[in-house]
Amino acid sequence: SHLIGNDDFKFVKQDVTEYIHVPGELDLVLHFASPASPIDYLEMPIQTLKVGSLGTHKALGLAKDKGARFLLASTSEVYGDPLVHPQKEDY
């Protein structure tokens, strides 16, 4: 939220499974798109897989086209079953 209003930052809400077009230059592509709940995984299995695979492919394509760096953020599920729900940043 501290970046909102900064002329050097633009937030783009996008369905990452579709073609991604952002006009102008980009320094960095951040891919944070994924349902992060086992309940969501059960209710939306195909959509979850599409975001993880096709969405990453599309976001990487954007980064490649723009010569931008790419960051893919993972959900906490990769670390196993946590003792605290929801997890805080200092967990």
Protein backbone atom coordinates (compact mmCIF):
# COMPACT_ATOMS: atom_id res chain seq x y z
CA SER A 1 0.00 0.00 0.00
CA HIS A 2 2.96 2.36 0.52
CA LEU A 3 3.59 2.29 -3.23
CA ILE A 4 0.15 3.56 -4.21
CA GLY A 5 0.56 7.10 -5.51
CA ASN A 6 4.21 6.52 -6.46
CA ASP A 7 4.60 7.43 -10.16
CA ASP A 8 7.17 4.63 -10.56
CA PHE A 9 4.69 1.94 -9.43
CA LYS A 10 1.63 0.58 -11.19
CA PHE A 11 -0.63 -2.15 -9.80
CA VAL A 12 -2.35 -4.19 -12.50
CA LYS A 13 -5.20 -6.50 -11.53
CA GLN A 14 -5.25 -9.15 -14.24
CA ASP A 15 -6.45 -12.67 -14.96
CA VAL A 16 -2.98 -14.13 -15.38
CA THR A 17 -4.30 -17.05 -17.39
CA GLU A 18 -5.08 -14.58 -20.21
CA TYR A 19 -2.64 -12.59 -22.36
CA ILE A 20 -1.00 -9.89 -20.23
CA HIS A 21 -0.37 -6.51 -21.83
CA VAL A 22 1.14 -3.63 -19.91
CA PRO A 23 2.10 -0.59 -21.99
CA GLY A 24 5.49 1.04 -21.51
CA GLU A 25 8.61 -0.15 -19.79
CA LEU A 26 8.69 -2.56 -16.86
CA ASP A 27 11.47 -3.17 -14.37
CA LEU A 28 9.84 -6.00 -12.44
CA VAL A 29 6.95 -8.44 -12.77
CA LEU A 30 5.60 -9.78 -9.45
CA HIS A 31 3.44 -12.91 -9.71
CA PHE A 32 1.41 -13.31 -6.50
CA ALA A 33 -1.66 -14.85 -8.12
CA SER A 34 -2.81 -18.05 -6.48
CA PRO A 35 -5.61 -19.17 -4.24
CA ALA A 36 -3.88 -19.94 -0.94
CA SER A 37 -6.33 -22.20 0.80
CA PRO A 38 -6.76 -25.99 0.73
CA ILE A 39 -10.51 -25.32 0.64
CA ASP A 40 -10.03 -23.26 -2.54
CA TYR A 41 -7.87 -26.03 -4.01
CA LEU A 42 -10.73 -28.49 -3.49
CA GLU A 43 -13.41 -26.13 -4.79
CA MET A 44 -11.39 -24.75 -7.76
CA PRO A 45 -8.81 -27.38 -8.72
CA ILE A 46 -8.60 -26.54 -12.43
CA GLN A 47 -8.45 -22.77 -11.85
CA THR A 48 -5.72 -23.25 -9.24
CA LEU A 49 -3.64 -25.37 -11.62
CA LYS A 50 -4.17 -22.85 -14.44
CA VAL A 51 -2.96 -19.94 -12.29
CA GLY A 52 0.09 -21.90 -11.20
CA SER A 53 1.11 -23.12 -14.64
CA LEU A 54 -0.48 -21.02 -17.39
CA GLY A 55 -0.43 -17.86 -15.25
CA THR A 56 3.27 -18.28 -14.55
CA HIS A 57 3.91 -18.89 -18.25
CA LYS A 58 2.03 -15.69 -19.22
CA ALA A 59 3.73 -13.60 -16.53
CA LEU A 60 7.16 -14.91 -17.55
CA GLY A 61 6.32 -14.02 -21.16
CA LEU A 62 5.54 -10.46 -20.10
CA ALA A 63 8.81 -10.21 -18.18
CA LYS A 64 10.74 -11.61 -21.14
CA ASP A 65 9.07 -9.25 -23.63
CA LYS A 66 9.82 -6.24 -21.41
CA GLY A 67 13.30 -7.30 -20.31
CA ALA A 68 12.03 -7.16 -16.72
CA ARG A 69 13.03 -9.15 -13.66
CA PHE A 70 10.49 -11.72 -12.45
CA LEU A 71 9.47 -12.74 -8.94
CA LEU A 72 7.13 -15.65 -8.25
CA ALA A 73 5.74 -15.76 -4.72
CA SER A 74 4.72 -19.08 -3.27
CA THR A 75 1.93 -19.84 -0.86
CA SER A 76 2.79 -21.04 2.62
CA GLU A 77 1.60 -24.57 1.82
CA VAL A 78 5.05 -25.42 0.42
CA TYR A 79 6.36 -25.39 4.01
CA GLY A 80 4.00 -28.08 5.29
CA ASP A 81 1.24 -28.03 7.87
CA PRO A 82 1.64 -24.93 10.08
CA LEU A 83 0.84 -24.84 13.78
CA VAL A 84 -0.70 -21.36 13.48
CA HIS A 85 -3.65 -20.35 11.27
CA PRO A 86 -3.61 -17.86 9.67
CA GLN A 87 0.13 -17.48 9.56
CA LYS A 88 1.67 -14.12 10.39
CA GLU A 89 4.77 -12.81 8.65
CA ASP A 90 6.95 -13.56 11.70
CA TYR A 91 5.82 -17.22 11.95
